[in-house]
């Protein structure tokens, strides 16, 4: 597939994820919005704020926020997530719907970064609320491929090296044959790769202990 066609497909998958999450958010009672997500330190509402932030803030304003946070991207993202989480919940859902086709990407990453971000944060929300559902296969494969790539380290990943990863519900694997294996459902594997301990309960194999040790660090 040509690169432009692949990017178009990824943006279409991002739009699908945003619409799906907006629909789910509209079903939540107040207690659901206040519930802790799997993303450390953020409630479900703050995850929604994070996903809406790049759709609402301009690039110059985002750059200024980085300056205010002494160059820390993590602090900047946390500040913006908490700020936009103050919007009314119906507005947060509407932003995801109305801006579903926006093509924001962080410099140097392309559409795979926001696609992976939306996939993983959907898991953060749904798993925490016991409302798990399968990730659409194409989105799952793309997110998994990204999270085992070198670029994932700057995106909160970087836990894949030296292990053989495989999914039990998709025909997908990565890593060298003979390396300690970690296998499980695609959503659980993605959570482990992104540093969420909740996924550890559903992965098995000789590499699962290694993966758990990496998350503990």
Protein backbone atom coordinates (compact mmCIF):
# COMPACT_ATOMS: atom_id res chain seq x y z
CA UNK A 1 0.00 0.00 0.00
CA UNK A 2 1.32 3.46 -0.91
CA UNK A 3 2.27 5.66 2.04
CA UNK A 4 -0.47 8.23 1.31
CA UNK A 5 -3.07 5.48 1.10
CA UNK A 6 -1.85 3.99 4.38
CA UNK A 7 -2.07 7.37 6.11
CA UNK A 8 -5.60 7.85 4.75
CA UNK A 9 -6.57 4.47 6.15
CA UNK A 10 -5.10 5.33 9.54
CA UNK A 11 -6.97 8.63 9.68
CA UNK A 12 -10.19 6.79 8.82
CA UNK A 13 -9.52 4.37 11.70
CA UNK A 14 -8.85 7.31 14.04
CA UNK A 15 -12.22 8.81 13.09
CA UNK A 16 -13.92 5.49 13.79
CA UNK A 17 -12.27 5.31 17.24
CA UNK A 18 -13.31 8.87 18.09
CA UNK A 19 -16.93 8.30 17.06
CA UNK A 20 -17.04 5.01 18.97
CA UNK A 21 -15.64 6.54 22.14
CA UNK A 22 -17.95 9.55 21.89
CA UNK A 23 -20.93 7.18 21.70
CA UNK A 24 -19.65 5.27 24.73
CA UNK A 25 -19.06 8.44 26.75
CA UNK A 26 -22.68 9.45 26.19
CA UNK A 27 -23.82 6.32 28.02
CA UNK A 28 -21.84 7.08 31.18
CA UNK A 29 -23.40 8.26 34.43
CA UNK A 30 -21.53 10.86 36.48
CA UNK A 31 -19.86 8.10 38.48
CA UNK A 32 -18.38 6.67 35.28
CA UNK A 33 -16.80 9.99 34.36
CA UNK A 34 -15.28 10.27 37.83
CA UNK A 35 -13.92 6.72 37.89
CA UNK A 36 -10.16 6.15 37.79
CA UNK A 37 -8.94 5.00 34.38
CA UNK A 38 -6.03 2.64 33.74
CA UNK A 39 -3.94 5.66 32.75
CA UNK A 40 -2.17 6.46 36.02
CA UNK A 41 -3.48 9.54 37.79
CA UNK A 42 -6.27 10.27 35.31
CA UNK A 43 -9.99 9.74 35.69
CA UNK A 44 -12.11 8.76 32.72
CA UNK A 45 -12.98 12.43 32.35
CA UNK A 46 -9.31 13.41 32.20
CA UNK A 47 -8.66 10.78 29.54
CA UNK A 48 -11.44 12.42 27.54
CA UNK A 49 -9.82 15.80 28.13
CA UNK A 50 -6.51 14.44 26.86
CA UNK A 51 -8.06 13.07 23.68
CA UNK A 52 -9.88 16.35 23.03
CA UNK A 53 -6.89 18.61 23.75
CA UNK A 54 -5.11 18.30 20.36
CA UNK A 55 -8.45 18.90 18.62
CA UNK A 56 -9.01 22.18 20.47
CA UNK A 57 -5.60 23.79 21.03
CA UNK A 58 -3.58 25.49 18.29
CA UNK A 59 0.02 24.53 17.59
CA UNK A 60 1.41 27.89 18.84
CA UNK A 61 -0.57 27.60 22.08
CA UNK A 62 0.60 24.03 22.55
CA UNK A 63 4.20 25.16 22.07
CA UNK A 64 3.66 27.87 24.69
CA UNK A 65 2.30 25.28 27.13
CA UNK A 66 5.51 23.27 26.67
CA UNK A 67 7.53 26.38 27.54
CA UNK A 68 5.38 26.92 30.64
CA UNK A 69 6.10 23.33 31.67
CA UNK A 70 9.87 23.78 31.31
CA UNK A 71 10.00 21.65 28.19
CA UNK A 72 8.30 18.61 29.73
CA UNK A 73 5.89 16.99 27.29
CA UNK A 74 4.47 14.76 30.04
CA UNK A 75 3.67 17.74 32.27
CA UNK A 76 2.20 19.60 29.31
CA UNK A 77 -0.10 16.72 28.40
CA UNK A 78 -1.18 16.34 32.02
CA UNK A 79 -1.92 20.05 32.37
CA UNK A 80 -3.98 20.11 29.17
CA UNK A 81 -5.86 16.91 30.04
CA UNK A 82 -6.94 18.36 33.36
CA UNK A 83 -7.85 21.71 31.81
CA UNK A 84 -10.05 20.28 29.06
CA UNK A 85 -11.56 17.75 31.45
CA UNK A 86 -13.38 20.72 33.01
CA UNK A 87 -15.57 21.03 29.90
CA UNK A 88 -19.13 19.71 30.25
CA UNK A 89 -19.23 15.99 29.55
CA UNK A 90 -21.62 16.36 26.63
CA UNK A 91 -19.20 18.85 25.07
CA UNK A 92 -16.30 16.40 25.41
CA UNK A 93 -18.32 13.79 23.52
CA UNK A 94 -19.33 16.35 20.89
CA UNK A 95 -15.71 17.41 20.33
CA UNK A 96 -14.70 13.84 19.53
CA UNK A 97 -17.59 13.53 17.08
CA UNK A 98 -17.25 16.93 15.43
CA UNK A 99 -13.47 16.70 15.09
CA UNK A 100 -13.31 12.99 14.28
CA UNK A 101 -11.77 13.68 10.87
CA UNK A 102 -9.14 16.15 12.11
CA UNK A 103 -5.64 15.21 10.95
CA UNK A 104 -3.49 16.41 13.81
CA UNK A 105 -0.25 14.42 14.21
CA UNK A 106 2.73 14.99 16.52
CA UNK A 107 5.91 15.94 14.61
CA UNK A 108 7.77 12.96 13.20
CA UNK A 109 5.10 10.33 13.78
CA UNK A 110 2.26 10.60 11.32
CA UNK A 111 -1.19 9.14 11.88
CA UNK A 112 0.03 6.00 13.65
CA UNK A 113 0.66 7.99 16.85
CA UNK A 114 -2.86 9.39 17.35
CA UNK A 115 -4.34 6.08 16.19
CA UNK A 116 -2.39 4.20 18.86
CA UNK A 117 -3.21 6.89 21.42
CA UNK A 118 -6.93 6.57 20.76
CA UNK A 119 -6.81 2.76 20.82
CA UNK A 120 -4.91 2.55 24.12
CA UNK A 121 -6.93 5.24 25.87
CA UNK A 122 -10.14 3.52 24.78
CA UNK A 123 -8.80 0.45 26.61
CA UNK A 124 -7.93 2.63 29.62
CA UNK A 125 -11.53 3.72 29.85
CA UNK A 126 -13.40 0.56 28.93
CA UNK A 127 -11.34 -1.83 31.05
CA UNK A 128 -11.61 0.42 34.09
CA UNK A 129 -15.40 0.51 33.75
CA UNK A 130 -15.75 -3.22 33.07
CA UNK A 131 -17.06 -2.44 29.59
CA UNK A 132 -14.48 -4.28 27.55
CA UNK A 133 -15.01 -4.81 23.82
CA UNK A 134 -12.73 -6.14 21.04
CA UNK A 135 -10.54 -3.62 19.24
CA UNK A 136 -11.27 -3.56 15.49
CA UNK A 137 -8.67 -5.87 13.98
CA UNK A 138 -6.95 -3.43 11.64
CA UNK A 139 -6.58 -0.83 14.40
CA UNK A 140 -5.27 -3.47 16.78
CA UNK A 141 -2.63 -4.68 14.33
CA UNK A 142 -1.40 -1.17 13.58
CA UNK A 143 -1.22 -0.22 17.26
CA UNK A 144 0.61 -3.45 18.13
CA UNK A 145 3.12 -2.96 15.32
CA UNK A 146 3.81 0.57 16.54
CA UNK A 147 4.18 -0.40 20.19
CA UNK A 148 6.93 -2.92 19.39
CA UNK A 149 8.77 -0.45 17.15
CA UNK A 150 11.74 1.70 18.27
CA UNK A 151 9.63 4.86 17.90
CA UNK A 152 7.29 3.69 20.65
CA UNK A 153 9.89 4.46 23.32
CA UNK A 154 9.25 8.19 23.02
CA UNK A 155 5.51 7.45 23.06
CA UNK A 156 5.38 5.63 26.37
CA UNK A 157 6.40 2.23 24.99
CA UNK A 158 9.86 0.71 24.77
CA UNK A 159 9.05 -2.46 26.75
CA UNK A 160 9.16 -4.90 23.84
CA UNK A 161 12.89 -5.58 23.41
CA UNK A 162 14.16 -9.11 23.96
CA UNK A 163 10.72 -10.71 24.17
CA UNK A 164 8.55 -12.58 21.70
CA UNK A 165 5.06 -11.06 21.67
CA UNK A 166 1.99 -12.80 20.28
CA UNK A 167 -1.77 -12.41 20.38
CA UNK A 168 -4.16 -15.28 20.94
CA UNK A 169 -7.12 -13.69 19.16
CA UNK A 170 -5.24 -12.35 16.13
CA UNK A 171 -2.60 -13.93 13.91
CA UNK A 172 0.03 -11.44 15.03
CA UNK A 173 3.47 -11.75 16.58
CA UNK A 174 6.70 -9.78 16.90
CA UNK A 175 10.18 -10.42 18.23
CA UNK A 176 12.77 -13.10 17.63
CA UNK A 177 11.98 -16.80 17.69
CA UNK A 178 13.45 -18.30 20.83
CA UNK A 179 13.10 -15.17 22.96
CA UNK A 180 10.96 -15.47 26.12
CA UNK A 181 7.34 -15.37 25.00
CA UNK A 182 4.46 -13.18 26.12
CA UNK A 183 1.05 -14.02 24.70
CA UNK A 184 -2.55 -13.06 25.34
CA UNK A 185 -5.52 -11.23 23.84
CA UNK A 186 -4.59 -8.23 21.71
CA UNK A 187 -6.03 -5.71 24.14
CA UNK A 188 -4.15 -7.19 27.11
CA UNK A 189 -0.87 -7.29 25.16
CA UNK A 190 -1.34 -3.66 24.15
CA UNK A 191 -1.93 -2.67 27.76
CA UNK A 192 1.25 -4.41 28.90
CA UNK A 193 3.26 -2.82 26.08
CA UNK A 194 1.94 0.59 27.12
CA UNK A 195 2.74 0.10 30.81
CA UNK A 196 -0.66 -0.85 32.22
CA UNK A 197 -0.43 -3.57 34.85
CA UNK A 198 -4.08 -4.57 34.31
CA UNK A 199 -3.05 -6.47 31.19
CA UNK A 200 -0.66 -8.73 33.10
CA UNK A 201 -3.50 -10.89 34.44
CA UNK A 202 -4.27 -12.10 30.92
CA UNK A 203 -0.82 -12.72 29.45
CA UNK A 204 1.13 -15.93 29.81
CA UNK A 205 4.45 -17.38 28.74
CA UNK A 206 8.05 -17.46 29.88
CA UNK A 207 8.42 -13.74 29.20
CA UNK A 208 5.41 -12.66 31.26
CA UNK A 209 7.52 -12.39 34.42
CA UNK A 210 10.06 -10.25 32.58
CA UNK A 211 7.25 -8.00 31.32
CA UNK A 212 5.89 -7.67 34.87
CA UNK A 213 9.33 -6.72 36.18
CA UNK A 214 9.64 -4.02 33.54
CA UNK A 215 6.29 -2.56 34.52
CA UNK A 216 7.30 -2.61 38.20
CA UNK A 217 10.30 -0.46 37.34
